[in-house]
Amino acid sequence: MIKKHKNKDFNNYINELRINYIIDKLQKCSHHRNYKIATLAEEAGFSSPNKFSAVFKKHTSFSPSFFIKCLEKKIPEYRI
């Protein structure tokens, strides 16, 4: 069903939901921007910070730390 309706395999779909969850948290809750990448990865359900960073970059084209810096500087073109 996921492949048919979302045009993604299960893992990519779940990873996208996880990344969107963290992006939402980072945008709405400024205290999340102070968390370590490992903490964000764990909260999103990733097995490691490296996997989280790779999936985050694949989804957004930015590393998590760069994305957070842009949010802190209120650069609107980096919001998703």
PDB file of N, CA and C in Angstrom:
ATOM      1  N   MET A   1       0.815  -1.201   0.000  1.00  0.00           N
ATOM      2  CA  MET A   1       0.000   0.000   0.000  1.00  0.00           C
ATOM      3  C   MET A   1       0.864   1.272   0.000  1.00  0.00           C
ATOM      4  N   ILE A   2       1.915   1.240   0.802  1.00  0.00           N
ATOM      5  CA  ILE A   2       2.779   2.421   0.868  1.00  0.00           C
ATOM      6  C   ILE A   2       3.435   2.658  -0.479  1.00  0.00           C
ATOM      7  N   LYS A   3       3.943   1.609  -1.078  1.00  0.00           N
ATOM      8  CA  LYS A   3       4.598   1.739  -2.382  1.00  0.00           C
ATOM      9  C   LYS A   3       3.616   2.293  -3.406  1.00  0.00           C
ATOM     10  N   LYS A   4       2.405   1.811  -3.372  1.00  0.00           N
ATOM     11  CA  LYS A   4       1.393   2.223  -4.340  1.00  0.00           C
ATOM     12  C   LYS A   4       0.960   3.676  -4.124  1.00  0.00           C
ATOM     13  N   HIS A   5       0.696   4.057  -2.871  1.00  0.00           N
ATOM     14  CA  HIS A   5       0.126   5.377  -2.601  1.00  0.00           C
ATOM     15  C   HIS A   5       1.158   6.466  -2.336  1.00  0.00           C
ATOM     16  N   LYS A   6       2.306   6.084  -1.828  1.00  0.00           N
ATOM     17  CA  LYS A   6       3.339   7.085  -1.500  1.00  0.00           C
ATOM     18  C   LYS A   6       4.527   7.021  -2.447  1.00  0.00           C
ATOM     19  N   ASN A   7       4.564   6.003  -3.281  1.00  0.00           N
ATOM     20  CA  ASN A   7       5.646   5.801  -4.240  1.00  0.00           C
ATOM     21  C   ASN A   7       7.016   5.701  -3.544  1.00  0.00           C
ATOM     22  N   LYS A   8       7.001   5.048  -2.351  1.00  0.00           N
ATOM     23  CA  LYS A   8       8.218   4.850  -1.565  1.00  0.00           C
ATOM     24  C   LYS A   8       8.154   3.473  -0.948  1.00  0.00           C
ATOM     25  N   ASP A   9       9.331   2.925  -0.647  1.00  0.00           N
ATOM     26  CA  ASP A   9       9.304   1.677   0.112  1.00  0.00           C
ATOM     27  C   ASP A   9       9.072   2.009   1.588  1.00  0.00           C
ATOM     28  N   PHE A  10       8.794   0.986   2.369  1.00  0.00           N
ATOM     29  CA  PHE A  10       8.424   1.168   3.764  1.00  0.00           C
ATOM     30  C   PHE A  10       9.480   1.937   4.550  1.00  0.00           C
ATOM     31  N   ASN A  11      10.746   1.547   4.415  1.00  0.00           N
ATOM     32  CA  ASN A  11      11.827   2.191   5.185  1.00  0.00           C
ATOM     33  C   ASN A  11      11.955   3.669   4.850  1.00  0.00           C
ATOM     34  N   ASN A  12      11.916   4.014   3.581  1.00  0.00           N
ATOM     35  CA  ASN A  12      12.020   5.425   3.195  1.00  0.00           C
ATOM     36  C   ASN A  12      10.826   6.228   3.697  1.00  0.00           C
ATOM     37  N   TYR A  13       9.664   5.624   3.658  1.00  0.00           N
ATOM     38  CA  TYR A  13       8.466   6.306   4.152  1.00  0.00           C
ATOM     39  C   TYR A  13       8.565   6.567   5.659  1.00  0.00           C
ATOM     40  N   ILE A  14       8.956   5.564   6.410  1.00  0.00           N
ATOM     41  CA  ILE A  14       9.095   5.714   7.859  1.00  0.00           C
ATOM     42  C   ILE A  14      10.180   6.739   8.197  1.00  0.00           C
ATOM     43  N   ASN A  15      11.300   6.682   7.493  1.00  0.00           N
ATOM     44  CA  ASN A  15      12.375   7.652   7.733  1.00  0.00           C
ATOM     45  C   ASN A  15      11.913   9.070   7.438  1.00  0.00           C
ATOM     46  N   GLU A  16      11.127   9.243   6.393  1.00  0.00           N
ATOM     47  CA  GLU A  16      10.595  10.571   6.069  1.00  0.00           C
ATOM     48  C   GLU A  16       9.693  11.080   7.192  1.00  0.00           C
ATOM     49  N   LEU A  17       8.852  10.215   7.725  1.00  0.00           N
ATOM     50  CA  LEU A  17       7.991  10.609   8.846  1.00  0.00           C
ATOM     51  C   LEU A  17       8.828  10.995  10.063  1.00  0.00           C
ATOM     52  N   ARG A  18       9.882  10.245  10.326  1.00  0.00           N
ATOM     53  CA  ARG A  18      10.757  10.538  11.469  1.00  0.00           C
ATOM     54  C   ARG A  18      11.439  11.895  11.302  1.00  0.00           C
ATOM     55  N   ILE A  19      11.949  12.153  10.117  1.00  0.00           N
ATOM     56  CA  ILE A  19      12.630  13.434   9.852  1.00  0.00           C
ATOM     57  C   ILE A  19      11.635  14.584   9.954  1.00  0.00           C
ATOM     58  N   ASN A  20      10.451  14.412   9.391  1.00  0.00           N
ATOM     59  CA  ASN A  20       9.436  15.464   9.479  1.00  0.00           C
ATOM     60  C   ASN A  20       9.054  15.746  10.930  1.00  0.00           C
ATOM     61  N   TYR A  21       9.024  14.709  11.757  1.00  0.00           N
ATOM     62  CA  TYR A  21       8.734  14.880  13.181  1.00  0.00           C
ATOM     63  C   TYR A  21       9.802  15.769  13.832  1.00  0.00           C
ATOM     64  N   ILE A  22      11.058  15.488  13.556  1.00  0.00           N
ATOM     65  CA  ILE A  22      12.151  16.270  14.145  1.00  0.00           C
ATOM     66  C   ILE A  22      12.161  17.693  13.595  1.00  0.00           C
ATOM     67  N   ILE A  23      11.922  17.859  12.321  1.00  0.00           N
ATOM     68  CA  ILE A  23      11.864  19.205  11.737  1.00  0.00           C
ATOM     69  C   ILE A  23      10.779  20.021  12.416  1.00  0.00           C
ATOM     70  N   ASP A  24       9.632  19.411  12.617  1.00  0.00           N
ATOM     71  CA  ASP A  24       8.527  20.092  13.288  1.00  0.00           C
ATOM     72  C   ASP A  24       8.934  20.507  14.701  1.00  0.00           C
ATOM     73  N   LYS A  25       9.576  19.597  15.430  1.00  0.00           N
ATOM     74  CA  LYS A  25      10.036  19.907  16.782  1.00  0.00           C
ATOM     75  C   LYS A  25      11.053  21.055  16.780  1.00  0.00           C
ATOM     76  N   LEU A  26      11.980  21.022  15.837  1.00  0.00           N
ATOM     77  CA  LEU A  26      13.003  22.063  15.764  1.00  0.00           C
ATOM     78  C   LEU A  26      12.393  23.428  15.441  1.00  0.00           C
ATOM     79  N   GLN A  27      11.394  23.437  14.593  1.00  0.00           N
ATOM     80  CA  GLN A  27      10.769  24.699  14.210  1.00  0.00           C
ATOM     81  C   GLN A  27       9.877  25.263  15.310  1.00  0.00           C
ATOM     82  N   LYS A  28       9.186  24.389  16.031  1.00  0.00           N
ATOM     83  CA  LYS A  28       8.215  24.849  17.024  1.00  0.00           C
ATOM     84  C   LYS A  28       8.781  24.999  18.429  1.00  0.00           C
ATOM     85  N   CYS A  29       9.782  24.221  18.778  1.00  0.00           N
ATOM     86  CA  CYS A  29      10.318  24.206  20.143  1.00  0.00           C
ATOM     87  C   CYS A  29      11.795  24.580  20.115  1.00  0.00           C
ATOM     88  N   SER A  30      12.078  25.821  20.402  1.00  0.00           N
ATOM     89  CA  SER A  30      13.460  26.288  20.289  1.00  0.00           C
ATOM     90  C   SER A  30      14.418  25.525  21.196  1.00  0.00           C
ATOM     91  N   HIS A  31      13.939  24.963  22.303  1.00  0.00           N
ATOM     92  CA  HIS A  31      14.851  24.223  23.186  1.00  0.00           C
ATOM     93  C   HIS A  31      15.375  22.946  22.515  1.00  0.00           C
ATOM     94  N   HIS A  32      14.654  22.414  21.538  1.00  0.00           N
ATOM     95  CA  HIS A  32      15.147  21.240  20.804  1.00  0.00           C
ATOM     96  C   HIS A  32      16.403  21.579  19.996  1.00  0.00           C
ATOM     97  N   ARG A  33      16.565  22.831  19.652  1.00  0.00           N
ATOM     98  CA  ARG A  33      17.737  23.254  18.873  1.00  0.00           C
ATOM     99  C   ARG A  33      19.022  23.159  19.696  1.00  0.00           C
ATOM    100  N   ASN A  34      18.891  23.052  21.003  1.00  0.00           N
ATOM    101  CA  ASN A  34      20.056  22.915  21.874  1.00  0.00           C
ATOM    102  C   ASN A  34      20.442  21.464  22.103  1.00  0.00           C
ATOM    103  N   TYR A  35      19.618  20.532  21.657  1.00  0.00           N
ATOM    104  CA  TYR A  35      19.909  19.109  21.840  1.00  0.00           C
ATOM    105  C   TYR A  35      21.061  18.674  20.953  1.00  0.00           C
ATOM    106  N   LYS A  36      21.779  17.687  21.403  1.00  0.00           N
ATOM    107  CA  LYS A  36      22.825  17.077  20.586  1.00  0.00           C
ATOM    108  C   LYS A  36      22.162  16.283  19.474  1.00  0.00           C
ATOM    109  N   ILE A  37      22.885  16.102  18.384  1.00  0.00           N
ATOM    110  CA  ILE A  37      22.376  15.332  17.251  1.00  0.00           C
ATOM    111  C   ILE A  37      22.007  13.919  17.707  1.00  0.00           C
ATOM    112  N   ALA A  38      22.793  13.348  18.595  1.00  0.00           N
ATOM    113  CA  ALA A  38      22.504  12.004  19.098  1.00  0.00           C
ATOM    114  C   ALA A  38      21.155  11.958  19.811  1.00  0.00           C
ATOM    115  N   THR A  39      20.818  13.000  20.532  1.00  0.00           N
ATOM    116  CA  THR A  39      19.543  13.057  21.236  1.00  0.00           C
ATOM    117  C   THR A  39      18.389  13.170  20.254  1.00  0.00           C
ATOM    118  N   LEU A  40      18.556  14.004  19.241  1.00  0.00           N
ATOM    119  CA  LEU A  40      17.525  14.132  18.206  1.00  0.00           C
ATOM    120  C   LEU A  40      17.334  12.809  17.469  1.00  0.00           C
ATOM    121  N   ALA A  41      18.445  12.148  17.165  1.00  0.00           N
ATOM    122  CA  ALA A  41      18.385  10.859  16.468  1.00  0.00           C
ATOM    123  C   ALA A  41      17.627   9.839  17.307  1.00  0.00           C
ATOM    124  N   GLU A  42      17.924   9.795  18.591  1.00  0.00           N
ATOM    125  CA  GLU A  42      17.248   8.850  19.480  1.00  0.00           C
ATOM    126  C   GLU A  42      15.762   9.164  19.587  1.00  0.00           C
ATOM    127  N   GLU A  43      15.427  10.446  19.709  1.00  0.00           N
ATOM    128  CA  GLU A  43      14.014  10.833  19.818  1.00  0.00           C
ATOM    129  C   GLU A  43      13.230  10.451  18.559  1.00  0.00           C
ATOM    130  N   ALA A  44      13.891  10.525  17.409  1.00  0.00           N
ATOM    131  CA  ALA A  44      13.228  10.175  16.150  1.00  0.00           C
ATOM    132  C   ALA A  44      13.203   8.675  15.892  1.00  0.00           C
ATOM    133  N   GLY A  45      13.941   7.915  16.684  1.00  0.00           N
ATOM    134  CA  GLY A  45      13.922   6.470  16.532  1.00  0.00           C
ATOM    135  C   GLY A  45      14.989   5.900  15.618  1.00  0.00           C
ATOM    136  N   PHE A  46      16.041   6.663  15.373  1.00  0.00           N
ATOM    137  CA  PHE A  46      17.133   6.169  14.537  1.00  0.00           C
ATOM    138  C   PHE A  46      18.123   5.377  15.379  1.00  0.00           C
ATOM    139  N   SER A  47      18.782   4.427  14.749  1.00  0.00           N
ATOM    140  CA  SER A  47      19.704   3.547  15.469  1.00  0.00           C
ATOM    141  C   SER A  47      21.023   4.231  15.805  1.00  0.00           C
ATOM    142  N   SER A  48      21.374   5.277  15.060  1.00  0.00           N
ATOM    143  CA  SER A  48      22.626   5.978  15.327  1.00  0.00           C
ATOM    144  C   SER A  48      22.537   7.423  14.832  1.00  0.00           C
ATOM    145  N   PRO A  49      23.349   8.307  15.411  1.00  0.00           N
ATOM    146  CA  PRO A  49      23.386   9.694  14.940  1.00  0.00           C
ATOM    147  C   PRO A  49      23.847   9.795  13.481  1.00  0.00           C
ATOM    148  N   ASN A  50      24.750   8.895  13.075  1.00  0.00           N
ATOM    149  CA  ASN A  50      25.231   8.932  11.691  1.00  0.00           C
ATOM    150  C   ASN A  50      24.120   8.606  10.704  1.00  0.00           C
ATOM    151  N   LYS A  51      23.324   7.601  11.030  1.00  0.00           N
ATOM    152  CA  LYS A  51      22.193   7.237  10.166  1.00  0.00           C
ATOM    153  C   LYS A  51      21.191   8.379  10.113  1.00  0.00           C
ATOM    154  N   PHE A  52      20.904   8.969  11.263  1.00  0.00           N
ATOM    155  CA  PHE A  52      19.991  10.108  11.324  1.00  0.00           C
ATOM    156  C   PHE A  52      20.488  11.251  10.445  1.00  0.00           C
ATOM    157  N   SER A  53      21.759  11.598  10.575  1.00  0.00           N
ATOM    158  CA  SER A  53      22.323  12.703   9.792  1.00  0.00           C
ATOM    159  C   SER A  53      22.257  12.426   8.299  1.00  0.00           C
ATOM    160  N   ALA A  54      22.543  11.191   7.904  1.00  0.00           N
ATOM    161  CA  ALA A  54      22.503  10.830   6.479  1.00  0.00           C
ATOM    162  C   ALA A  54      21.089  10.928   5.928  1.00  0.00           C
ATOM    163  N   VAL A  55      20.127  10.422   6.673  1.00  0.00           N
ATOM    164  CA  VAL A  55      18.726  10.471   6.221  1.00  0.00           C
ATOM    165  C   VAL A  55      18.219  11.908   6.233  1.00  0.00           C
ATOM    166  N   PHE A  56      18.596  12.672   7.250  1.00  0.00           N
ATOM    167  CA  PHE A  56      18.189  14.078   7.333  1.00  0.00           C
ATOM    168  C   PHE A  56      18.703  14.843   6.120  1.00  0.00           C
ATOM    169  N   LYS A  57      19.973  14.631   5.794  1.00  0.00           N
ATOM    170  CA  LYS A  57      20.567  15.333   4.657  1.00  0.00           C
ATOM    171  C   LYS A  57      19.924  14.891   3.342  1.00  0.00           C
ATOM    172  N   LYS A  58      19.610  13.619   3.221  1.00  0.00           N
ATOM    173  CA  LYS A  58      18.945  13.114   2.020  1.00  0.00           C
ATOM    174  C   LYS A  58      17.571  13.763   1.856  1.00  0.00           C
ATOM    175  N   HIS A  59      16.881  13.936   2.949  1.00  0.00           N
ATOM    176  CA  HIS A  59      15.525  14.482   2.921  1.00  0.00           C
ATOM    177  C   HIS A  59      15.495  16.000   2.739  1.00  0.00           C
ATOM    178  N   THR A  60      16.451  16.709   3.351  1.00  0.00           N
ATOM    179  CA  THR A  60      16.409  18.182   3.356  1.00  0.00           C
ATOM    180  C   THR A  60      17.494  18.843   2.511  1.00  0.00           C
ATOM    181  N   SER A  61      18.511  18.100   2.141  1.00  0.00           N
ATOM    182  CA  SER A  61      19.708  18.615   1.456  1.00  0.00           C
ATOM    183  C   SER A  61      20.650  19.366   2.398  1.00  0.00           C
ATOM    184  N   PHE A  62      20.352  19.361   3.699  1.00  0.00           N
ATOM    185  CA  PHE A  62      21.176  20.038   4.685  1.00  0.00           C
ATOM    186  C   PHE A  62      21.504  19.087   5.826  1.00  0.00           C
ATOM    187  N   SER A  63      22.646  19.305   6.439  1.00  0.00           N
ATOM    188  CA  SER A  63      22.958  18.538   7.649  1.00  0.00           C
ATOM    189  C   SER A  63      22.058  19.046   8.775  1.00  0.00           C
ATOM    190  N   PRO A  64      21.808  18.225   9.782  1.00  0.00           N
ATOM    191  CA  PRO A  64      20.981  18.701  10.898  1.00  0.00           C
ATOM    192  C   PRO A  64      21.563  19.951  11.577  1.00  0.00           C
ATOM    193  N   SER A  65      22.870  19.992  11.757  1.00  0.00           N
ATOM    194  CA  SER A  65      23.471  21.144  12.436  1.00  0.00           C
ATOM    195  C   SER A  65      23.332  22.425  11.607  1.00  0.00           C
ATOM    196  N   PHE A  66      23.491  22.330  10.292  1.00  0.00           N
ATOM    197  CA  PHE A  66      23.311  23.506   9.436  1.00  0.00           C
ATOM    198  C   PHE A  66      21.857  23.955   9.449  1.00  0.00           C
ATOM    199  N   PHE A  67      20.944  23.018   9.404  1.00  0.00           N
ATOM    200  CA  PHE A  67      19.518  23.333   9.455  1.00  0.00           C
ATOM    201  C   PHE A  67      19.184  24.083  10.739  1.00  0.00           C
ATOM    202  N   ILE A  68      19.718  23.614  11.864  1.00  0.00           N
ATOM    203  CA  ILE A  68      19.471  24.256  13.149  1.00  0.00           C
ATOM    204  C   ILE A  68      20.065  25.663  13.170  1.00  0.00           C
ATOM    205  N   LYS A  69      21.267  25.828  12.629  1.00  0.00           N
ATOM    206  CA  LYS A  69      21.880  27.164  12.571  1.00  0.00           C
ATOM    207  C   LYS A  69      21.026  28.119  11.764  1.00  0.00           C
ATOM    208  N   CYS A  70      20.471  27.649  10.670  1.00  0.00           N
ATOM    209  CA  CYS A  70      19.601  28.493   9.844  1.00  0.00           C
ATOM    210  C   CYS A  70      18.329  28.874  10.593  1.00  0.00           C
ATOM    211  N   LEU A  71      17.771  27.949  11.336  1.00  0.00           N
ATOM    212  CA  LEU A  71      16.593  28.269  12.148  1.00  0.00           C
ATOM    213  C   LEU A  71      16.934  29.303  13.208  1.00  0.00           C
ATOM    214  N   GLU A  72      18.091  29.157  13.818  1.00  0.00           N
ATOM    215  CA  GLU A  72      18.518  30.107  14.846  1.00  0.00           C
ATOM    216  C   GLU A  72      18.708  31.506  14.271  1.00  0.00           C
ATOM    217  N   LYS A  73      19.206  31.564  13.062  1.00  0.00           N
ATOM    218  CA  LYS A  73      19.429  32.861  12.414  1.00  0.00           C
ATOM    219  C   LYS A  73      18.173  33.361  11.724  1.00  0.00           C
ATOM    220  N   LYS A  74      17.107  32.534  11.776  1.00  0.00           N
ATOM    221  CA  LYS A  74      15.819  32.882  11.176  1.00  0.00           C
ATOM    222  C   LYS A  74      15.938  33.133   9.675  1.00  0.00           C
ATOM    223  N   ILE A  75      16.671  32.272   9.007  1.00  0.00           N
ATOM    224  CA  ILE A  75      16.808  32.347   7.556  1.00  0.00           C
ATOM    225  C   ILE A  75      15.627  31.577   6.956  1.00  0.00           C
ATOM    226  N   PRO A  76      14.634  32.267   6.397  1.00  0.00           N
ATOM    227  CA  PRO A  76      13.401  31.600   5.987  1.00  0.00           C
ATOM    228  C   PRO A  76      13.541  30.596   4.851  1.00  0.00           C
ATOM    229  N   GLU A  77      14.481  30.773   3.951  1.00  0.00           N
ATOM    230  CA  GLU A  77      14.576  29.852   2.822  1.00  0.00           C
ATOM    231  C   GLU A  77      15.051  28.461   3.226  1.00  0.00           C
ATOM    232  N   TYR A  78      15.512  28.296   4.440  1.00  0.00           N
ATOM    233  CA  TYR A  78      15.947  26.980   4.899  1.00  0.00           C
ATOM    234  C   TYR A  78      14.886  26.274   5.729  1.00  0.00           C
ATOM    235  N   ARG A  79      13.746  26.881   5.858  1.00  0.00           N
ATOM    236  CA  ARG A  79      12.639  26.194   6.551  1.00  0.00           C
ATOM    237  C   ARG A  79      11.952  25.290   5.559  1.00  0.00           C
ATOM    238  N   ILE A  80      11.484  24.195   6.066  1.00  0.00           N
ATOM    239  CA  ILE A  80      10.827  23.231   5.185  1.00  0.00           C
ATOM    240  C   ILE A  80       9.351  23.205   5.513  1.00  0.00           C
TER     241      ILE A  80
END
